[in-house]
Amino acid sequence: MAKGQISPENTTMSFVIPKELKKELGILATKENRSMGNLICTLVDNYVQLNKRQERLAAYYKLISSLNNKSDT
C-alpha cells in the first residue's frame, strides 16, 4: 500500500477537542513514543475492551445472583 493511504480495514474520523487537551495528548504521545493518532486509537480501543469486560462481568454477577436466589428457595 502506498504511503499515506488508509488500509481497507481502517477509516478516518474527524472531531473537535479543546486545544489544551490536544496539547496534553501530544505530550503524552511523545512520552510514550507514539503518534497522537496511535495514542487516541489505543485509548479508544482500551475503553471499548473495558466496556465489554464490564458488560460480561455484570452478566456473570447477574447469573450468580439468580443461581443464589434459586438455591435459597
PDB file of N, CA and C in Angstrom:
ATOM      1  N   MET A   1       0.841  -1.173   0.000  1.00  0.00           N
ATOM      2  CA  MET A   1       0.000   0.000   0.000  1.00  0.00           C
ATOM      3  C   MET A   1       0.891   1.242   0.000  1.00  0.00           C
ATOM      4  N   ALA A   2       0.509   2.212  -0.781  1.00  0.00           N
ATOM      5  CA  ALA A   2       1.306   3.432  -0.898  1.00  0.00           C
ATOM      6  C   ALA A   2       1.226   4.243   0.391  1.00  0.00           C
ATOM      7  N   LYS A   3       2.307   4.940   0.671  1.00  0.00           N
ATOM      8  CA  LYS A   3       2.352   5.765   1.872  1.00  0.00           C
ATOM      9  C   LYS A   3       1.240   6.814   1.817  1.00  0.00           C
ATOM     10  N   GLY A   4       0.578   7.008   2.942  1.00  0.00           N
ATOM     11  CA  GLY A   4      -0.482   7.999   3.018  1.00  0.00           C
ATOM     12  C   GLY A   4      -1.859   7.447   2.728  1.00  0.00           C
ATOM     13  N   GLN A   5      -1.932   6.193   2.292  1.00  0.00           N
ATOM     14  CA  GLN A   5      -3.231   5.582   2.043  1.00  0.00           C
ATOM     15  C   GLN A   5      -3.701   4.848   3.286  1.00  0.00           C
ATOM     16  N   ILE A   6      -5.002   4.756   3.425  1.00  0.00           N
ATOM     17  CA  ILE A   6      -5.597   4.072   4.569  1.00  0.00           C
ATOM     18  C   ILE A   6      -5.961   2.659   4.138  1.00  0.00           C
ATOM     19  N   SER A   7      -5.613   1.688   4.967  1.00  0.00           N
ATOM     20  CA  SER A   7      -5.921   0.298   4.633  1.00  0.00           C
ATOM     21  C   SER A   7      -7.437   0.092   4.617  1.00  0.00           C
ATOM     22  N   PRO A   8      -7.897  -0.919   3.903  1.00  0.00           N
ATOM     23  CA  PRO A   8      -9.344  -1.185   3.821  1.00  0.00           C
ATOM     24  C   PRO A   8      -9.986  -1.501   5.181  1.00  0.00           C
ATOM     25  N   GLU A   9      -9.182  -1.949   6.154  1.00  0.00           N
ATOM     26  CA  GLU A   9      -9.712  -2.288   7.477  1.00  0.00           C
ATOM     27  C   GLU A   9      -9.924  -1.045   8.355  1.00  0.00           C
ATOM     28  N   ASN A  10      -9.413   0.092   7.933  1.00  0.00           N
ATOM     29  CA  ASN A  10      -9.471   1.311   8.739  1.00  0.00           C
ATOM     30  C   ASN A  10     -10.347   2.369   8.104  1.00  0.00           C
ATOM     31  N   THR A  11     -10.671   3.376   8.877  1.00  0.00           N
ATOM     32  CA  THR A  11     -11.431   4.516   8.392  1.00  0.00           C
ATOM     33  C   THR A  11     -10.920   5.765   9.101  1.00  0.00           C
ATOM     34  N   THR A  12     -11.396   6.913   8.686  1.00  0.00           N
ATOM     35  CA  THR A  12     -10.989   8.157   9.325  1.00  0.00           C
ATOM     36  C   THR A  12     -12.135   8.720  10.136  1.00  0.00           C
ATOM     37  N   MET A  13     -11.776   9.556  11.097  1.00  0.00           N
ATOM     38  CA  MET A  13     -12.759  10.278  11.911  1.00  0.00           C
ATOM     39  C   MET A  13     -12.279  11.705  12.043  1.00  0.00           C
ATOM     40  N   SER A  14     -13.219  12.590  12.151  1.00  0.00           N
ATOM     41  CA  SER A  14     -12.892  13.997  12.374  1.00  0.00           C
ATOM     42  C   SER A  14     -13.707  14.472  13.560  1.00  0.00           C
ATOM     43  N   PHE A  15     -13.040  15.065  14.546  1.00  0.00           N
ATOM     44  CA  PHE A  15     -13.745  15.546  15.723  1.00  0.00           C
ATOM     45  C   PHE A  15     -13.029  16.756  16.285  1.00  0.00           C
ATOM     46  N   VAL A  16     -13.732  17.481  17.121  1.00  0.00           N
ATOM     47  CA  VAL A  16     -13.205  18.704  17.715  1.00  0.00           C
ATOM     48  C   VAL A  16     -12.895  18.451  19.186  1.00  0.00           C
ATOM     49  N   ILE A  17     -11.700  18.853  19.610  1.00  0.00           N
ATOM     50  CA  ILE A  17     -11.330  18.769  21.024  1.00  0.00           C
ATOM     51  C   ILE A  17     -10.731  20.109  21.433  1.00  0.00           C
ATOM     52  N   PRO A  18     -10.759  20.403  22.726  1.00  0.00           N
ATOM     53  CA  PRO A  18     -10.137  21.649  23.195  1.00  0.00           C
ATOM     54  C   PRO A  18      -8.632  21.657  22.905  1.00  0.00           C
ATOM     55  N   LYS A  19      -8.113  22.828  22.619  1.00  0.00           N
ATOM     56  CA  LYS A  19      -6.689  22.962  22.296  1.00  0.00           C
ATOM     57  C   LYS A  19      -5.798  22.468  23.428  1.00  0.00           C
ATOM     58  N   GLU A  20      -6.194  22.745  24.657  1.00  0.00           N
ATOM     59  CA  GLU A  20      -5.379  22.314  25.800  1.00  0.00           C
ATOM     60  C   GLU A  20      -5.326  20.787  25.886  1.00  0.00           C
ATOM     61  N   LEU A  21      -6.441  20.133  25.613  1.00  0.00           N
ATOM     62  CA  LEU A  21      -6.469  18.672  25.621  1.00  0.00           C
ATOM     63  C   LEU A  21      -5.563  18.111  24.523  1.00  0.00           C
ATOM     64  N   LYS A  22      -5.598  18.727  23.342  1.00  0.00           N
ATOM     65  CA  LYS A  22      -4.720  18.287  22.253  1.00  0.00           C
ATOM     66  C   LYS A  22      -3.259  18.442  22.650  1.00  0.00           C
ATOM     67  N   LYS A  23      -2.949  19.540  23.317  1.00  0.00           N
ATOM     68  CA  LYS A  23      -1.576  19.778  23.771  1.00  0.00           C
ATOM     69  C   LYS A  23      -1.148  18.690  24.756  1.00  0.00           C
ATOM     70  N   GLU A  24      -2.032  18.369  25.708  1.00  0.00           N
ATOM     71  CA  GLU A  24      -1.715  17.338  26.703  1.00  0.00           C
ATOM     72  C   GLU A  24      -1.588  15.962  26.055  1.00  0.00           C
ATOM     73  N   LEU A  25      -2.451  15.667  25.076  1.00  0.00           N
ATOM     74  CA  LEU A  25      -2.334  14.398  24.357  1.00  0.00           C
ATOM     75  C   LEU A  25      -1.004  14.306  23.620  1.00  0.00           C
ATOM     76  N   GLY A  26      -0.582  15.424  23.035  1.00  0.00           N
ATOM     77  CA  GLY A  26       0.697  15.447  22.338  1.00  0.00           C
ATOM     78  C   GLY A  26       1.857  15.156  23.274  1.00  0.00           C
ATOM     79  N   ILE A  27       1.798  15.712  24.469  1.00  0.00           N
ATOM     80  CA  ILE A  27       2.851  15.466  25.473  1.00  0.00           C
ATOM     81  C   ILE A  27       2.872  13.991  25.858  1.00  0.00           C
ATOM     82  N   LEU A  28       1.676  13.425  26.123  1.00  0.00           N
ATOM     83  CA  LEU A  28       1.600  12.005  26.489  1.00  0.00           C
ATOM     84  C   LEU A  28       2.081  11.112  25.352  1.00  0.00           C
ATOM     85  N   ALA A  29       1.682  11.437  24.133  1.00  0.00           N
ATOM     86  CA  ALA A  29       2.102  10.639  22.973  1.00  0.00           C
ATOM     87  C   ALA A  29       3.625  10.647  22.839  1.00  0.00           C
ATOM     88  N   THR A  30       4.230  11.815  23.016  1.00  0.00           N
ATOM     89  CA  THR A  30       5.688  11.928  22.921  1.00  0.00           C
ATOM     90  C   THR A  30       6.362  11.101  24.003  1.00  0.00           C
ATOM     91  N   LYS A  31       5.832  11.167  25.237  1.00  0.00           N
ATOM     92  CA  LYS A  31       6.400  10.377  26.339  1.00  0.00           C
ATOM     93  C   LYS A  31       6.348   8.884  26.051  1.00  0.00           C
ATOM     94  N   GLU A  32       5.288   8.448  25.360  1.00  0.00           N
ATOM     95  CA  GLU A  32       5.112   7.024  25.066  1.00  0.00           C
ATOM     96  C   GLU A  32       5.660   6.642  23.694  1.00  0.00           C
ATOM     97  N   ASN A  33       6.328   7.602  23.042  1.00  0.00           N
ATOM     98  CA  ASN A  33       6.904   7.372  21.711  1.00  0.00           C
ATOM     99  C   ASN A  33       5.841   6.893  20.717  1.00  0.00           C
ATOM    100  N   ARG A  34       4.695   7.571  20.726  1.00  0.00           N
ATOM    101  CA  ARG A  34       3.577   7.257  19.839  1.00  0.00           C
ATOM    102  C   ARG A  34       3.186   8.498  19.066  1.00  0.00           C
ATOM    103  N   SER A  35       2.451   8.289  17.981  1.00  0.00           N
ATOM    104  CA  SER A  35       1.808   9.425  17.328  1.00  0.00           C
ATOM    105  C   SER A  35       0.528   9.723  18.115  1.00  0.00           C
ATOM    106  N   MET A  36      -0.008  10.910  17.942  1.00  0.00           N
ATOM    107  CA  MET A  36      -1.264  11.227  18.614  1.00  0.00           C
ATOM    108  C   MET A  36      -2.380  10.327  18.104  1.00  0.00           C
ATOM    109  N   GLY A  37      -2.391  10.057  16.810  1.00  0.00           N
ATOM    110  CA  GLY A  37      -3.411   9.172  16.250  1.00  0.00           C
ATOM    111  C   GLY A  37      -3.354   7.785  16.855  1.00  0.00           C
ATOM    112  N   ASN A  38      -2.134   7.253  17.011  1.00  0.00           N
ATOM    113  CA  ASN A  38      -1.969   5.935  17.611  1.00  0.00           C
ATOM    114  C   ASN A  38      -2.398   5.948  19.070  1.00  0.00           C
ATOM    115  N   LEU A  39      -2.060   6.999  19.800  1.00  0.00           N
ATOM    116  CA  LEU A  39      -2.449   7.102  21.209  1.00  0.00           C
ATOM    117  C   LEU A  39      -3.970   7.140  21.333  1.00  0.00           C
ATOM    118  N   ILE A  40      -4.623   7.945  20.505  1.00  0.00           N
ATOM    119  CA  ILE A  40      -6.083   8.058  20.568  1.00  0.00           C
ATOM    120  C   ILE A  40      -6.728   6.721  20.198  1.00  0.00           C
ATOM    121  N   CYS A  41      -6.225   6.063  19.170  1.00  0.00           N
ATOM    122  CA  CYS A  41      -6.760   4.764  18.772  1.00  0.00           C
ATOM    123  C   CYS A  41      -6.599   3.744  19.907  1.00  0.00           C
ATOM    124  N   THR A  42      -5.454   3.745  20.563  1.00  0.00           N
ATOM    125  CA  THR A  42      -5.204   2.839  21.683  1.00  0.00           C
ATOM    126  C   THR A  42      -6.144   3.141  22.842  1.00  0.00           C
ATOM    127  N   LEU A  43      -6.330   4.413  23.154  1.00  0.00           N
ATOM    128  CA  LEU A  43      -7.232   4.797  24.242  1.00  0.00           C
ATOM    129  C   LEU A  43      -8.668   4.361  23.954  1.00  0.00           C
ATOM    130  N   VAL A  44      -9.121   4.584  22.736  1.00  0.00           N
ATOM    131  CA  VAL A  44     -10.483   4.197  22.365  1.00  0.00           C
ATOM    132  C   VAL A  44     -10.631   2.677  22.409  1.00  0.00           C
ATOM    133  N   ASP A  45      -9.647   1.963  21.890  1.00  0.00           N
ATOM    134  CA  ASP A  45      -9.690   0.501  21.922  1.00  0.00           C
ATOM    135  C   ASP A  45      -9.729  -0.005  23.364  1.00  0.00           C
ATOM    136  N   ASN A  46      -8.895   0.562  24.229  1.00  0.00           N
ATOM    137  CA  ASN A  46      -8.896   0.156  25.637  1.00  0.00           C
ATOM    138  C   ASN A  46     -10.251   0.419  26.281  1.00  0.00           C
ATOM    139  N   TYR A  47     -10.874   1.550  25.953  1.00  0.00           N
ATOM    140  CA  TYR A  47     -12.175   1.891  26.505  1.00  0.00           C
ATOM    141  C   TYR A  47     -13.234   0.884  26.051  1.00  0.00           C
ATOM    142  N   VAL A  48     -13.213   0.533  24.770  1.00  0.00           N
ATOM    143  CA  VAL A  48     -14.184  -0.428  24.238  1.00  0.00           C
ATOM    144  C   VAL A  48     -13.991  -1.792  24.899  1.00  0.00           C
ATOM    145  N   GLN A  49     -12.746  -2.241  25.021  1.00  0.00           N
ATOM    146  CA  GLN A  49     -12.474  -3.538  25.645  1.00  0.00           C
ATOM    147  C   GLN A  49     -12.896  -3.539  27.108  1.00  0.00           C
ATOM    148  N   LEU A  50     -12.641  -2.450  27.821  1.00  0.00           N
ATOM    149  CA  LEU A  50     -13.053  -2.336  29.221  1.00  0.00           C
ATOM    150  C   LEU A  50     -14.568  -2.413  29.336  1.00  0.00           C
ATOM    151  N   ASN A  51     -15.273  -1.723  28.448  1.00  0.00           N
ATOM    152  CA  ASN A  51     -16.731  -1.746  28.460  1.00  0.00           C
ATOM    153  C   ASN A  51     -17.254  -3.158  28.225  1.00  0.00           C
ATOM    154  N   LYS A  52     -16.650  -3.882  27.299  1.00  0.00           N
ATOM    155  CA  LYS A  52     -17.061  -5.262  27.028  1.00  0.00           C
ATOM    156  C   LYS A  52     -16.841  -6.137  28.254  1.00  0.00           C
ATOM    157  N   ARG A  53     -15.703  -5.963  28.920  1.00  0.00           N
ATOM    158  CA  ARG A  53     -15.431  -6.751  30.130  1.00  0.00           C
ATOM    159  C   ARG A  53     -16.426  -6.423  31.228  1.00  0.00           C
ATOM    160  N   GLN A  54     -16.768  -5.151  31.371  1.00  0.00           N
ATOM    161  CA  GLN A  54     -17.733  -4.753  32.395  1.00  0.00           C
ATOM    162  C   GLN A  54     -19.100  -5.355  32.105  1.00  0.00           C
ATOM    163  N   GLU A  55     -19.508  -5.390  30.833  1.00  0.00           N
ATOM    164  CA  GLU A  55     -20.779  -5.996  30.467  1.00  0.00           C
ATOM    165  C   GLU A  55     -20.781  -7.487  30.777  1.00  0.00           C
ATOM    166  N   ARG A  56     -19.681  -8.169  30.454  1.00  0.00           N
ATOM    167  CA  ARG A  56     -19.597  -9.601  30.739  1.00  0.00           C
ATOM    168  C   ARG A  56     -19.597  -9.845  32.245  1.00  0.00           C
ATOM    169  N   LEU A  57     -18.905  -9.005  32.998  1.00  0.00           N
ATOM    170  CA  LEU A  57     -18.860  -9.149  34.443  1.00  0.00           C
ATOM    171  C   LEU A  57     -20.236  -8.917  35.050  1.00  0.00           C
ATOM    172  N   ALA A  58     -20.961  -7.923  34.561  1.00  0.00           N
ATOM    173  CA  ALA A  58     -22.314  -7.654  35.055  1.00  0.00           C
ATOM    174  C   ALA A  58     -23.223  -8.847  34.765  1.00  0.00           C
ATOM    175  N   ALA A  59     -23.100  -9.428  33.578  1.00  0.00           N
ATOM    176  CA  ALA A  59     -23.907 -10.603  33.228  1.00  0.00           C
ATOM    177  C   ALA A  59     -23.544 -11.783  34.130  1.00  0.00           C
ATOM    178  N   TYR A  60     -22.267 -11.939  34.430  1.00  0.00           N
ATOM    179  CA  TYR A  60     -21.811 -13.007  35.316  1.00  0.00           C
ATOM    180  C   TYR A  60     -22.397 -12.833  36.716  1.00  0.00           C
ATOM    181  N   TYR A  61     -22.319 -11.611  37.261  1.00  0.00           N
ATOM    182  CA  TYR A  61     -22.868 -11.359  38.594  1.00  0.00           C
ATOM    183  C   TYR A  61     -24.377 -11.566  38.628  1.00  0.00           C
ATOM    184  N   LYS A  62     -25.058 -11.195  37.539  1.00  0.00           N
ATOM    185  CA  LYS A  62     -26.497 -11.404  37.457  1.00  0.00           C
ATOM    186  C   LYS A  62     -26.808 -12.903  37.479  1.00  0.00           C
ATOM    187  N   LEU A  63     -26.023 -13.693  36.743  1.00  0.00           N
ATOM    188  CA  LEU A  63     -26.204 -15.135  36.722  1.00  0.00           C
ATOM    189  C   LEU A  63     -25.960 -15.735  38.106  1.00  0.00           C
ATOM    190  N   ILE A  64     -24.882 -15.333  38.745  1.00  0.00           N
ATOM    191  CA  ILE A  64     -24.564 -15.835  40.090  1.00  0.00           C
ATOM    192  C   ILE A  64     -25.686 -15.474  41.066  1.00  0.00           C
ATOM    193  N   SER A  65     -26.167 -14.247  40.968  1.00  0.00           N
ATOM    194  CA  SER A  65     -27.241 -13.804  41.851  1.00  0.00           C
ATOM    195  C   SER A  65     -28.497 -14.633  41.631  1.00  0.00           C
ATOM    196  N   SER A  66     -28.836 -14.904  40.375  1.00  0.00           N
ATOM    197  CA  SER A  66     -30.044 -15.696  40.101  1.00  0.00           C
ATOM    198  C   SER A  66     -29.858 -17.127  40.584  1.00  0.00           C
ATOM    199  N   LEU A  67     -28.660 -17.678  40.458  1.00  0.00           N
ATOM    200  CA  LEU A  67     -28.408 -19.035  40.960  1.00  0.00           C
ATOM    201  C   LEU A  67     -28.491 -19.072  42.477  1.00  0.00           C
ATOM    202  N   ASN A  68     -27.980 -18.030  43.129  1.00  0.00           N
ATOM    203  CA  ASN A  68     -28.058 -17.959  44.591  1.00  0.00           C
ATOM    204  C   ASN A  68     -29.506 -17.831  45.057  1.00  0.00           C
ATOM    205  N   ASN A  69     -30.290 -17.051  44.342  1.00  0.00           N
ATOM    206  CA  ASN A  69     -31.700 -16.879  44.700  1.00  0.00           C
ATOM    207  C   ASN A  69     -32.470 -18.186  44.520  1.00  0.00           C
ATOM    208  N   LYS A  70     -32.143 -18.973  43.499  1.00  0.00           N
ATOM    209  CA  LYS A  70     -32.812 -20.249  43.277  1.00  0.00           C
ATOM    210  C   LYS A  70     -32.457 -21.242  44.374  1.00  0.00           C
ATOM    211  N   SER A  71     -31.214 -21.190  44.840  1.00  0.00           N
ATOM    212  CA  SER A  71     -30.792 -22.136  45.869  1.00  0.00           C
ATOM    213  C   SER A  71     -31.348 -21.763  47.244  1.00  0.00           C
ATOM    214  N   ASP A  72     -31.747 -20.512  47.427  1.00  0.00           N
ATOM    215  CA  ASP A  72     -32.315 -20.042  48.696  1.00  0.00           C
ATOM    216  C   ASP A  72     -33.766 -20.478  48.839  1.00  0.00           C
ATOM    217  N   THR A  73     -34.406 -20.802  47.738  1.00  0.00           N
ATOM    218  CA  THR A  73     -35.829 -21.154  47.820  1.00  0.00           C
ATOM    219  C   THR A  73     -36.056 -22.637  47.938  1.00  0.00           C
TER     220      THR A  73
END
